[in-house]
Amino acid sequence: MLLSFIKYSYRILATLVVVLPIAHNVRNPSSIVSSLIYIPLLSLALAVFFIYFDKQLNFLVIKQRLKNTNKKLNQQSLIKKRYLNKLCKGNHLSKQCFRPQF
């Protein structure tokens, strides 16, 4: 949940930073060279930079979700194994409990 909040706030911040040079150029016009070359190149470079880090952040979120899912699955399987062990020991059928039944 926290990583999702960080991801969305990062995207909002990245959008603002990429649009900021364009908005500044519209509000305070400067020379034709900076308006047609430098400002678009700066915005493009910032966009590429933020897209790269957005991919890294998505990878981190997916990795964290998989880690949490694996923990839950391991805990559930341990609970089932413990239950089966108690059941088999109580019935003295330890050899037959873990054989597949066809």
PDB file of N, CA and C in Angstrom:
ATOM      1  N   MET A   1       0.823  -1.179   0.000  1.00  0.00           N
ATOM      2  CA  MET A   1       0.000   0.000   0.000  1.00  0.00           C
ATOM      3  C   MET A   1       0.877   1.257   0.000  1.00  0.00           C
ATOM      4  N   LEU A   2       1.893   1.241   0.817  1.00  0.00           N
ATOM      5  CA  LEU A   2       2.797   2.391   0.883  1.00  0.00           C
ATOM      6  C   LEU A   2       3.554   2.554  -0.426  1.00  0.00           C
ATOM      7  N   LEU A   3       3.972   1.441  -1.030  1.00  0.00           N
ATOM      8  CA  LEU A   3       4.698   1.528  -2.293  1.00  0.00           C
ATOM      9  C   LEU A   3       3.808   2.065  -3.414  1.00  0.00           C
ATOM     10  N   SER A   4       2.531   1.714  -3.391  1.00  0.00           N
ATOM     11  CA  SER A   4       1.605   2.250  -4.395  1.00  0.00           C
ATOM     12  C   SER A   4       1.446   3.757  -4.224  1.00  0.00           C
ATOM     13  N   PHE A   5       1.358   4.211  -2.985  1.00  0.00           N
ATOM     14  CA  PHE A   5       1.264   5.654  -2.728  1.00  0.00           C
ATOM     15  C   PHE A   5       2.521   6.365  -3.211  1.00  0.00           C
ATOM     16  N   ILE A   6       3.666   5.780  -2.947  1.00  0.00           N
ATOM     17  CA  ILE A   6       4.932   6.372  -3.402  1.00  0.00           C
ATOM     18  C   ILE A   6       4.977   6.416  -4.926  1.00  0.00           C
ATOM     19  N   LYS A   7       4.503   5.341  -5.570  1.00  0.00           N
ATOM     20  CA  LYS A   7       4.526   5.279  -7.023  1.00  0.00           C
ATOM     21  C   LYS A   7       3.649   6.371  -7.637  1.00  0.00           C
ATOM     22  N   TYR A   8       2.445   6.544  -7.120  1.00  0.00           N
ATOM     23  CA  TYR A   8       1.549   7.550  -7.699  1.00  0.00           C
ATOM     24  C   TYR A   8       2.012   8.976  -7.389  1.00  0.00           C
ATOM     25  N   SER A   9       2.532   9.200  -6.198  1.00  0.00           N
ATOM     26  CA  SER A   9       3.051  10.535  -5.894  1.00  0.00           C
ATOM     27  C   SER A   9       4.293  10.828  -6.742  1.00  0.00           C
ATOM     28  N   TYR A  10       5.110   9.819  -7.010  1.00  0.00           N
ATOM     29  CA  TYR A  10       6.267   9.987  -7.889  1.00  0.00           C
ATOM     30  C   TYR A  10       5.819  10.373  -9.296  1.00  0.00           C
ATOM     31  N   ARG A  11       4.773   9.730  -9.785  1.00  0.00           N
ATOM     32  CA  ARG A  11       4.292  10.043 -11.132  1.00  0.00           C
ATOM     33  C   ARG A  11       3.753  11.466 -11.226  1.00  0.00           C
ATOM     34  N   ILE A  12       3.052  11.902 -10.202  1.00  0.00           N
ATOM     35  CA  ILE A  12       2.541  13.274 -10.191  1.00  0.00           C
ATOM     36  C   ILE A  12       3.700  14.267 -10.165  1.00  0.00           C
ATOM     37  N   LEU A  13       4.679  14.010  -9.316  1.00  0.00           N
ATOM     38  CA  LEU A  13       5.844  14.886  -9.229  1.00  0.00           C
ATOM     39  C   LEU A  13       6.623  14.902 -10.543  1.00  0.00           C
ATOM     40  N   ALA A  14       6.779  13.751 -11.170  1.00  0.00           N
ATOM     41  CA  ALA A  14       7.506  13.676 -12.438  1.00  0.00           C
ATOM     42  C   ALA A  14       6.783  14.463 -13.529  1.00  0.00           C
ATOM     43  N   THR A  15       5.466  14.355 -13.557  1.00  0.00           N
ATOM     44  CA  THR A  15       4.694  15.109 -14.553  1.00  0.00           C
ATOM     45  C   THR A  15       4.869  16.605 -14.358  1.00  0.00           C
ATOM     46  N   LEU A  16       4.830  17.043 -13.113  1.00  0.00           N
ATOM     47  CA  LEU A  16       5.011  18.467 -12.844  1.00  0.00           C
ATOM     48  C   LEU A  16       6.403  18.955 -13.241  1.00  0.00           C
ATOM     49  N   VAL A  17       7.413  18.152 -12.958  1.00  0.00           N
ATOM     50  CA  VAL A  17       8.786  18.561 -13.291  1.00  0.00           C
ATOM     51  C   VAL A  17       8.999  18.593 -14.800  1.00  0.00           C
ATOM     52  N   VAL A  18       8.381  17.666 -15.535  1.00  0.00           N
ATOM     53  CA  VAL A  18       8.548  17.652 -16.992  1.00  0.00           C
ATOM     54  C   VAL A  18       7.814  18.826 -17.632  1.00  0.00           C
ATOM     55  N   VAL A  19       6.653  19.177 -17.117  1.00  0.00           N
ATOM     56  CA  VAL A  19       5.848  20.251 -17.705  1.00  0.00           C
ATOM     57  C   VAL A  19       6.339  21.637 -17.271  1.00  0.00           C
ATOM     58  N   LEU A  20       7.061  21.711 -16.173  1.00  0.00           N
ATOM     59  CA  LEU A  20       7.497  23.001 -15.627  1.00  0.00           C
ATOM     60  C   LEU A  20       8.316  23.845 -16.618  1.00  0.00           C
ATOM     61  N   PRO A  21       9.310  23.315 -17.336  1.00  0.00           N
ATOM     62  CA  PRO A  21      10.045  24.173 -18.290  1.00  0.00           C
ATOM     63  C   PRO A  21       9.150  24.702 -19.413  1.00  0.00           C
ATOM     64  N   ILE A  22       8.197  23.886 -19.860  1.00  0.00           N
ATOM     65  CA  ILE A  22       7.299  24.333 -20.927  1.00  0.00           C
ATOM     66  C   ILE A  22       6.407  25.459 -20.411  1.00  0.00           C
ATOM     67  N   ALA A  23       5.874  25.288 -19.197  1.00  0.00           N
ATOM     68  CA  ALA A  23       5.020  26.324 -18.621  1.00  0.00           C
ATOM     69  C   ALA A  23       5.803  27.615 -18.377  1.00  0.00           C
ATOM     70  N   HIS A  24       7.039  27.464 -17.940  1.00  0.00           N
ATOM     71  CA  HIS A  24       7.878  28.653 -17.721  1.00  0.00           C
ATOM     72  C   HIS A  24       8.142  29.373 -19.046  1.00  0.00           C
ATOM     73  N   ASN A  25       8.357  28.617 -20.107  1.00  0.00           N
ATOM     74  CA  ASN A  25       8.611  29.207 -21.423  1.00  0.00           C
ATOM     75  C   ASN A  25       7.368  29.915 -21.951  1.00  0.00           C
ATOM     76  N   VAL A  26       6.204  29.388 -21.683  1.00  0.00           N
ATOM     77  CA  VAL A  26       4.973  30.035 -22.133  1.00  0.00           C
ATOM     78  C   VAL A  26       4.739  31.326 -21.346  1.00  0.00           C
ATOM     79  N   ARG A  27       4.989  31.281 -20.052  1.00  0.00           N
ATOM     80  CA  ARG A  27       4.746  32.459 -19.202  1.00  0.00           C
ATOM     81  C   ARG A  27       5.793  33.561 -19.441  1.00  0.00           C
ATOM     82  N   ASN A  28       7.051  33.169 -19.593  1.00  0.00           N
ATOM     83  CA  ASN A  28       8.143  34.134 -19.807  1.00  0.00           C
ATOM     84  C   ASN A  28       8.835  33.813 -21.133  1.00  0.00           C
ATOM     85  N   PRO A  29       8.325  34.307 -22.227  1.00  0.00           N
ATOM     86  CA  PRO A  29       8.938  33.984 -23.527  1.00  0.00           C
ATOM     87  C   PRO A  29      10.388  34.472 -23.605  1.00  0.00           C
ATOM     88  N   SER A  30      11.200  33.661 -24.236  1.00  0.00           N
ATOM     89  CA  SER A  30      12.605  34.026 -24.405  1.00  0.00           C
ATOM     90  C   SER A  30      12.955  33.927 -25.885  1.00  0.00           C
ATOM     91  N   SER A  31      14.225  33.716 -26.189  1.00  0.00           N
ATOM     92  CA  SER A  31      14.657  33.690 -27.588  1.00  0.00           C
ATOM     93  C   SER A  31      14.071  32.487 -28.320  1.00  0.00           C
ATOM     94  N   ILE A  32      14.089  32.567 -29.623  1.00  0.00           N
ATOM     95  CA  ILE A  32      13.528  31.516 -30.466  1.00  0.00           C
ATOM     96  C   ILE A  32      14.325  30.222 -30.333  1.00  0.00           C
ATOM     97  N   VAL A  33      15.640  30.339 -30.119  1.00  0.00           N
ATOM     98  CA  VAL A  33      16.484  29.152 -29.994  1.00  0.00           C
ATOM     99  C   VAL A  33      16.119  28.365 -28.735  1.00  0.00           C
ATOM    100  N   SER A  34      15.985  29.064 -27.632  1.00  0.00           N
ATOM    101  CA  SER A  34      15.642  28.333 -26.412  1.00  0.00           C
ATOM    102  C   SER A  34      14.208  27.820 -26.463  1.00  0.00           C
ATOM    103  N   SER A  35      13.316  28.545 -27.118  1.00  0.00           N
ATOM    104  CA  SER A  35      11.923  28.093 -27.207  1.00  0.00           C
ATOM    105  C   SER A  35      11.770  26.856 -28.089  1.00  0.00           C
ATOM    106  N   LEU A  36      12.550  26.773 -29.148  1.00  0.00           N
ATOM    107  CA  LEU A  36      12.384  25.661 -30.090  1.00  0.00           C
ATOM    108  C   LEU A  36      13.369  24.513 -29.881  1.00  0.00           C
ATOM    109  N   ILE A  37      14.482  24.761 -29.210  1.00  0.00           N
ATOM    110  CA  ILE A  37      15.488  23.700 -29.068  1.00  0.00           C
ATOM    111  C   ILE A  37      15.708  23.306 -27.614  1.00  0.00           C
ATOM    112  N   TYR A  38      16.095  24.251 -26.787  1.00  0.00           N
ATOM    113  CA  TYR A  38      16.518  23.902 -25.428  1.00  0.00           C
ATOM    114  C   TYR A  38      15.371  23.432 -24.533  1.00  0.00           C
ATOM    115  N   ILE A  39      14.274  24.128 -24.548  1.00  0.00           N
ATOM    116  CA  ILE A  39      13.152  23.761 -23.672  1.00  0.00           C
ATOM    117  C   ILE A  39      12.572  22.394 -24.051  1.00  0.00           C
ATOM    118  N   PRO A  40      12.300  22.113 -25.334  1.00  0.00           N
ATOM    119  CA  PRO A  40      11.810  20.761 -25.674  1.00  0.00           C
ATOM    120  C   PRO A  40      12.830  19.659 -25.376  1.00  0.00           C
ATOM    121  N   LEU A  41      14.112  19.940 -25.603  1.00  0.00           N
ATOM    122  CA  LEU A  41      15.136  18.940 -25.295  1.00  0.00           C
ATOM    123  C   LEU A  41      15.230  18.689 -23.790  1.00  0.00           C
ATOM    124  N   LEU A  42      15.130  19.731 -23.005  1.00  0.00           N
ATOM    125  CA  LEU A  42      15.146  19.579 -21.552  1.00  0.00           C
ATOM    126  C   LEU A  42      13.935  18.764 -21.088  1.00  0.00           C
ATOM    127  N   SER A  43      12.778  19.057 -21.636  1.00  0.00           N
ATOM    128  CA  SER A  43      11.568  18.306 -21.270  1.00  0.00           C
ATOM    129  C   SER A  43      11.684  16.846 -21.698  1.00  0.00           C
ATOM    130  N   LEU A  44      12.222  16.613 -22.859  1.00  0.00           N
ATOM    131  CA  LEU A  44      12.401  15.238 -23.342  1.00  0.00           C
ATOM    132  C   LEU A  44      13.390  14.474 -22.473  1.00  0.00           C
ATOM    133  N   ALA A  45      14.494  15.112 -22.132  1.00  0.00           N
ATOM    134  CA  ALA A  45      15.491  14.459 -21.277  1.00  0.00           C
ATOM    135  C   ALA A  45      14.904  14.137 -19.901  1.00  0.00           C
ATOM    136  N   LEU A  46      14.155  15.074 -19.330  1.00  0.00           N
ATOM    137  CA  LEU A  46      13.513  14.804 -18.042  1.00  0.00           C
ATOM    138  C   LEU A  46      12.495  13.681 -18.153  1.00  0.00           C
ATOM    139  N   ALA A  47      11.744  13.641 -19.244  1.00  0.00           N
ATOM    140  CA  ALA A  47      10.755  12.575 -19.438  1.00  0.00           C
ATOM    141  C   ALA A  47      11.426  11.206 -19.515  1.00  0.00           C
ATOM    142  N   VAL A  48      12.516  11.118 -20.267  1.00  0.00           N
ATOM    143  CA  VAL A  48      13.243   9.841 -20.366  1.00  0.00           C
ATOM    144  C   VAL A  48      13.805   9.434 -19.010  1.00  0.00           C
ATOM    145  N   PHE A  49      14.344  10.380 -18.290  1.00  0.00           N
ATOM    146  CA  PHE A  49      14.887  10.126 -16.957  1.00  0.00           C
ATOM    147  C   PHE A  49      13.811   9.583 -16.015  1.00  0.00           C
ATOM    148  N   PHE A  50      12.652  10.232 -15.994  1.00  0.00           N
ATOM    149  CA  PHE A  50      11.581   9.797 -15.104  1.00  0.00           C
ATOM    150  C   PHE A  50      10.945   8.487 -15.558  1.00  0.00           C
ATOM    151  N   ILE A  51      10.889   8.225 -16.843  1.00  0.00           N
ATOM    152  CA  ILE A  51      10.357   6.950 -17.328  1.00  0.00           C
ATOM    153  C   ILE A  51      11.257   5.808 -16.880  1.00  0.00           C
ATOM    154  N   TYR A  52      12.558   6.004 -16.949  1.00  0.00           N
ATOM    155  CA  TYR A  52      13.497   4.971 -16.500  1.00  0.00           C
ATOM    156  C   TYR A  52      13.284   4.651 -15.018  1.00  0.00           C
ATOM    157  N   PHE A  53      13.199   5.673 -14.191  1.00  0.00           N
ATOM    158  CA  PHE A  53      13.015   5.427 -12.765  1.00  0.00           C
ATOM    159  C   PHE A  53      11.621   4.907 -12.438  1.00  0.00           C
ATOM    160  N   ASP A  54      10.636   5.215 -13.264  1.00  0.00           N
ATOM    161  CA  ASP A  54       9.302   4.657 -13.072  1.00  0.00           C
ATOM    162  C   ASP A  54       9.320   3.147 -13.313  1.00  0.00           C
ATOM    163  N   LYS A  55      10.071   2.715 -14.310  1.00  0.00           N
ATOM    164  CA  LYS A  55      10.201   1.273 -14.550  1.00  0.00           C
ATOM    165  C   LYS A  55      10.889   0.582 -13.373  1.00  0.00           C
ATOM    166  N   GLN A  56      11.911   1.215 -12.835  1.00  0.00           N
ATOM    167  CA  GLN A  56      12.593   0.639 -11.674  1.00  0.00           C
ATOM    168  C   GLN A  56      11.671   0.575 -10.467  1.00  0.00           C
ATOM    169  N   LEU A  57      10.856   1.599 -10.280  1.00  0.00           N
ATOM    170  CA  LEU A  57       9.912   1.624  -9.168  1.00  0.00           C
ATOM    171  C   LEU A  57       8.838   0.554  -9.338  1.00  0.00           C
ATOM    172  N   ASN A  58       8.352   0.356 -10.558  1.00  0.00           N
ATOM    173  CA  ASN A  58       7.383  -0.716 -10.810  1.00  0.00           C
ATOM    174  C   ASN A  58       7.993  -2.079 -10.530  1.00  0.00           C
ATOM    175  N   PHE A  59       9.241  -2.272 -10.914  1.00  0.00           N
ATOM    176  CA  PHE A  59       9.921  -3.532 -10.644  1.00  0.00           C
ATOM    177  C   PHE A  59      10.014  -3.774  -9.138  1.00  0.00           C
ATOM    178  N   LEU A  60      10.313  -2.732  -8.392  1.00  0.00           N
ATOM    179  CA  LEU A  60      10.396  -2.845  -6.938  1.00  0.00           C
ATOM    180  C   LEU A  60       9.043  -3.200  -6.327  1.00  0.00           C
ATOM    181  N   VAL A  61       7.978  -2.588  -6.817  1.00  0.00           N
ATOM    182  CA  VAL A  61       6.629  -2.875  -6.307  1.00  0.00           C
ATOM    183  C   VAL A  61       6.250  -4.321  -6.597  1.00  0.00           C
ATOM    184  N   ILE A  62       6.516  -4.786  -7.804  1.00  0.00           N
ATOM    185  CA  ILE A  62       6.190  -6.170  -8.168  1.00  0.00           C
ATOM    186  C   ILE A  62       7.004  -7.151  -7.336  1.00  0.00           C
ATOM    187  N   LYS A  63       8.272  -6.862  -7.144  1.00  0.00           N
ATOM    188  CA  LYS A  63       9.132  -7.731  -6.338  1.00  0.00           C
ATOM    189  C   LYS A  63       8.629  -7.812  -4.899  1.00  0.00           C
ATOM    190  N   GLN A  64       8.213  -6.689  -4.334  1.00  0.00           N
ATOM    191  CA  GLN A  64       7.702  -6.661  -2.961  1.00  0.00           C
ATOM    192  C   GLN A  64       6.390  -7.444  -2.852  1.00  0.00           C
ATOM    193  N   ARG A  65       5.506  -7.312  -3.840  1.00  0.00           N
ATOM    194  CA  ARG A  65       4.242  -8.060  -3.820  1.00  0.00           C
ATOM    195  C   ARG A  65       4.486  -9.554  -3.918  1.00  0.00           C
ATOM    196  N   LEU A  66       5.418  -9.961  -4.771  1.00  0.00           N
ATOM    197  CA  LEU A  66       5.737 -11.389  -4.884  1.00  0.00           C
ATOM    198  C   LEU A  66       6.324 -11.926  -3.590  1.00  0.00           C
ATOM    199  N   LYS A  67       7.144 -11.135  -2.952  1.00  0.00           N
ATOM    200  CA  LYS A  67       7.749 -11.541  -1.685  1.00  0.00           C
ATOM    201  C   LYS A  67       6.666 -11.740  -0.622  1.00  0.00           C
ATOM    202  N   ASN A  68       5.721 -10.818  -0.542  1.00  0.00           N
ATOM    203  CA  ASN A  68       4.633 -10.943   0.423  1.00  0.00           C
ATOM    204  C   ASN A  68       3.738 -12.134   0.106  1.00  0.00           C
ATOM    205  N   THR A  69       3.467 -12.370  -1.174  1.00  0.00           N
ATOM    206  CA  THR A  69       2.633 -13.503  -1.578  1.00  0.00           C
ATOM    207  C   THR A  69       3.318 -14.817  -1.235  1.00  0.00           C
ATOM    208  N   ASN A  70       4.622 -14.902  -1.486  1.00  0.00           N
ATOM    209  CA  ASN A  70       5.356 -16.131  -1.165  1.00  0.00           C
ATOM    210  C   ASN A  70       5.358 -16.396   0.335  1.00  0.00           C
ATOM    211  N   LYS A  71       5.460 -15.354   1.145  1.00  0.00           N
ATOM    212  CA  LYS A  71       5.418 -15.534   2.592  1.00  0.00           C
ATOM    213  C   LYS A  71       4.075 -16.107   3.023  1.00  0.00           C
ATOM    214  N   LYS A  72       2.989 -15.566   2.463  1.00  0.00           N
ATOM    215  CA  LYS A  72       1.652 -16.044   2.820  1.00  0.00           C
ATOM    216  C   LYS A  72       1.463 -17.493   2.395  1.00  0.00           C
ATOM    217  N   LEU A  73       1.919 -17.821   1.190  1.00  0.00           N
ATOM    218  CA  LEU A  73       1.774 -19.195   0.706  1.00  0.00           C
ATOM    219  C   LEU A  73       2.598 -20.167   1.548  1.00  0.00           C
ATOM    220  N   ASN A  74       3.804 -19.773   1.929  1.00  0.00           N
ATOM    221  CA  ASN A  74       4.635 -20.631   2.773  1.00  0.00           C
ATOM    222  C   ASN A  74       4.009 -20.841   4.142  1.00  0.00           C
ATOM    223  N   GLN A  75       3.418 -19.794   4.707  1.00  0.00           N
ATOM    224  CA  GLN A  75       2.755 -19.931   6.002  1.00  0.00           C
ATOM    225  C   GLN A  75       1.558 -20.858   5.901  1.00  0.00           C
ATOM    226  N   GLN A  76       0.781 -20.748   4.835  1.00  0.00           N
ATOM    227  CA  GLN A  76      -0.377 -21.616   4.667  1.00  0.00           C
ATOM    228  C   GLN A  76       0.044 -23.068   4.491  1.00  0.00           C
ATOM    229  N   SER A  77       1.103 -23.313   3.730  1.00  0.00           N
ATOM    230  CA  SER A  77       1.551 -24.685   3.530  1.00  0.00           C
ATOM    231  C   SER A  77       2.116 -25.272   4.826  1.00  0.00           C
ATOM    232  N   LEU A  78       2.791 -24.464   5.635  1.00  0.00           N
ATOM    233  CA  LEU A  78       3.293 -24.952   6.919  1.00  0.00           C
ATOM    234  C   LEU A  78       2.151 -25.311   7.856  1.00  0.00           C
ATOM    235  N   ILE A  79       1.099 -24.507   7.853  1.00  0.00           N
ATOM    236  CA  ILE A  79      -0.064 -24.807   8.700  1.00  0.00           C
ATOM    237  C   ILE A  79      -0.707 -26.114   8.269  1.00  0.00           C
ATOM    238  N   LYS A  80      -0.831 -26.344   6.968  1.00  0.00           N
ATOM    239  CA  LYS A  80      -1.424 -27.591   6.470  1.00  0.00           C
ATOM    240  C   LYS A  80      -0.553 -28.789   6.829  1.00  0.00           C
ATOM    241  N   LYS A  81       0.770 -28.649   6.691  1.00  0.00           N
ATOM    242  CA  LYS A  81       1.668 -29.751   7.028  1.00  0.00           C
ATOM    243  C   LYS A  81       1.597 -30.088   8.516  1.00  0.00           C
ATOM    244  N   ARG A  82       1.552 -29.070   9.359  1.00  0.00           N
ATOM    245  CA  ARG A  82       1.451 -29.312  10.795  1.00  0.00           C
ATOM    246  C   ARG A  82       0.149 -30.016  11.132  1.00  0.00           C
ATOM    247  N   TYR A  83      -0.930 -29.606  10.514  1.00  0.00           N
ATOM    248  CA  TYR A  83      -2.221 -30.230  10.762  1.00  0.00           C
ATOM    249  C   TYR A  83      -2.198 -31.695  10.326  1.00  0.00           C
ATOM    250  N   LEU A  84      -1.616 -31.963   9.152  1.00  0.00           N
ATOM    251  CA  LEU A  84      -1.542 -33.348   8.673  1.00  0.00           C
ATOM    252  C   LEU A  84      -0.646 -34.195   9.576  1.00  0.00           C
ATOM    253  N   ASN A  85       0.457 -33.624  10.042  1.00  0.00           N
ATOM    254  CA  ASN A  85       1.335 -34.371  10.942  1.00  0.00           C
ATOM    255  C   ASN A  85       0.625 -34.716  12.238  1.00  0.00           C
ATOM    256  N   LYS A  86      -0.114 -33.789  12.807  1.00  0.00           N
ATOM    257  CA  LYS A  86      -0.853 -34.072  14.040  1.00  0.00           C
ATOM    258  C   LYS A  86      -1.922 -35.113  13.795  1.00  0.00           C
ATOM    259  N   LEU A  87      -2.605 -35.009  12.665  1.00  0.00           N
ATOM    260  CA  LEU A  87      -3.661 -35.952  12.334  1.00  0.00           C
ATOM    261  C   LEU A  87      -3.094 -37.351  12.145  1.00  0.00           C
ATOM    262  N   CYS A  88      -1.977 -37.451  11.449  1.00  0.00           N
ATOM    263  CA  CYS A  88      -1.370 -38.763  11.188  1.00  0.00           C
ATOM    264  C   CYS A  88      -0.792 -39.375  12.459  1.00  0.00           C
ATOM    265  N   LYS A  89      -0.162 -38.586  13.295  1.00  0.00           N
ATOM    266  CA  LYS A  89       0.403 -39.113  14.534  1.00  0.00           C
ATOM    267  C   LYS A  89      -0.698 -39.581  15.475  1.00  0.00           C
ATOM    268  N   GLY A  90      -1.818 -38.888  15.481  1.00  0.00           N
ATOM    269  CA  GLY A  90      -2.930 -39.275  16.344  1.00  0.00           C
ATOM    270  C   GLY A  90      -3.577 -40.561  15.901  1.00  0.00           C
ATOM    271  N   ASN A  91      -3.533 -40.863  14.620  1.00  0.00           N
ATOM    272  CA  ASN A  91      -4.170 -42.068  14.092  1.00  0.00           C
ATOM    273  C   ASN A  91      -3.182 -43.207  13.884  1.00  0.00           C
ATOM    274  N   HIS A  92      -1.925 -42.991  14.163  1.00  0.00           N
ATOM    275  CA  HIS A  92      -0.864 -43.981  13.958  1.00  0.00           C
ATOM    276  C   HIS A  92      -0.841 -44.477  12.513  1.00  0.00           C
ATOM    277  N   LEU A  93      -1.100 -43.593  11.593  1.00  0.00           N
ATOM    278  CA  LEU A  93      -1.081 -43.937  10.174  1.00  0.00           C
ATOM    279  C   LEU A  93      -0.013 -43.124   9.444  1.00  0.00           C
ATOM    280  N   SER A  94       1.107 -42.924  10.092  1.00  0.00           N
ATOM    281  CA  SER A  94       2.113 -42.023   9.538  1.00  0.00           C
ATOM    282  C   SER A  94       2.625 -42.457   8.169  1.00  0.00           C
ATOM    283  N   LYS A  95       2.662 -43.755   7.898  1.00  0.00           N
ATOM    284  CA  LYS A  95       3.160 -44.184   6.603  1.00  0.00           C
ATOM    285  C   LYS A  95       2.096 -44.010   5.509  1.00  0.00           C
ATOM    286  N   GLN A  96       0.854 -44.104   5.877  1.00  0.00           N
ATOM    287  CA  GLN A  96      -0.201 -44.027   4.876  1.00  0.00           C
ATOM    288  C   GLN A  96      -0.691 -42.609   4.627  1.00  0.00           C
ATOM    289  N   CYS A  97      -0.438 -41.696   5.504  1.00  0.00           N
ATOM    290  CA  CYS A  97      -0.969 -40.347   5.378  1.00  0.00           C
ATOM    291  C   CYS A  97      -0.391 -39.579   4.185  1.00  0.00           C
ATOM    292  N   PHE A  98       0.870 -39.761   3.906  1.00  0.00           N
ATOM    293  CA  PHE A  98       1.499 -38.961   2.862  1.00  0.00           C
ATOM    294  C   PHE A  98       1.588 -39.700   1.536  1.00  0.00           C
ATOM    295  N   ARG A  99       1.004 -40.884   1.445  1.00  0.00           N
ATOM    296  CA  ARG A  99       0.969 -41.568   0.148  1.00  0.00           C
ATOM    297  C   ARG A  99      -0.206 -41.051  -0.653  1.00  0.00           C
ATOM    298  N   PRO A 100      -0.004 -40.849  -1.937  1.00  0.00           N
ATOM    299  CA  PRO A 100      -1.133 -40.389  -2.757  1.00  0.00           C
ATOM    300  C   PRO A 100      -2.201 -41.471  -2.841  1.00  0.00           C
ATOM    301  N   GLN A 101      -3.431 -41.065  -2.770  1.00  0.00           N
ATOM    302  CA  GLN A 101      -4.547 -42.005  -2.821  1.00  0.00           C
ATOM    303  C   GLN A 101      -5.160 -41.944  -4.218  1.00  0.00           C
ATOM    304  N   PHE A 102      -5.228 -43.084  -4.856  1.00  0.00           N
ATOM    305  CA  PHE A 102      -5.787 -43.157  -6.212  1.00  0.00           C
ATOM    306  C   PHE A 102      -7.129 -43.840  -6.178  1.00  0.00           C
TER     307      PHE A 102
END
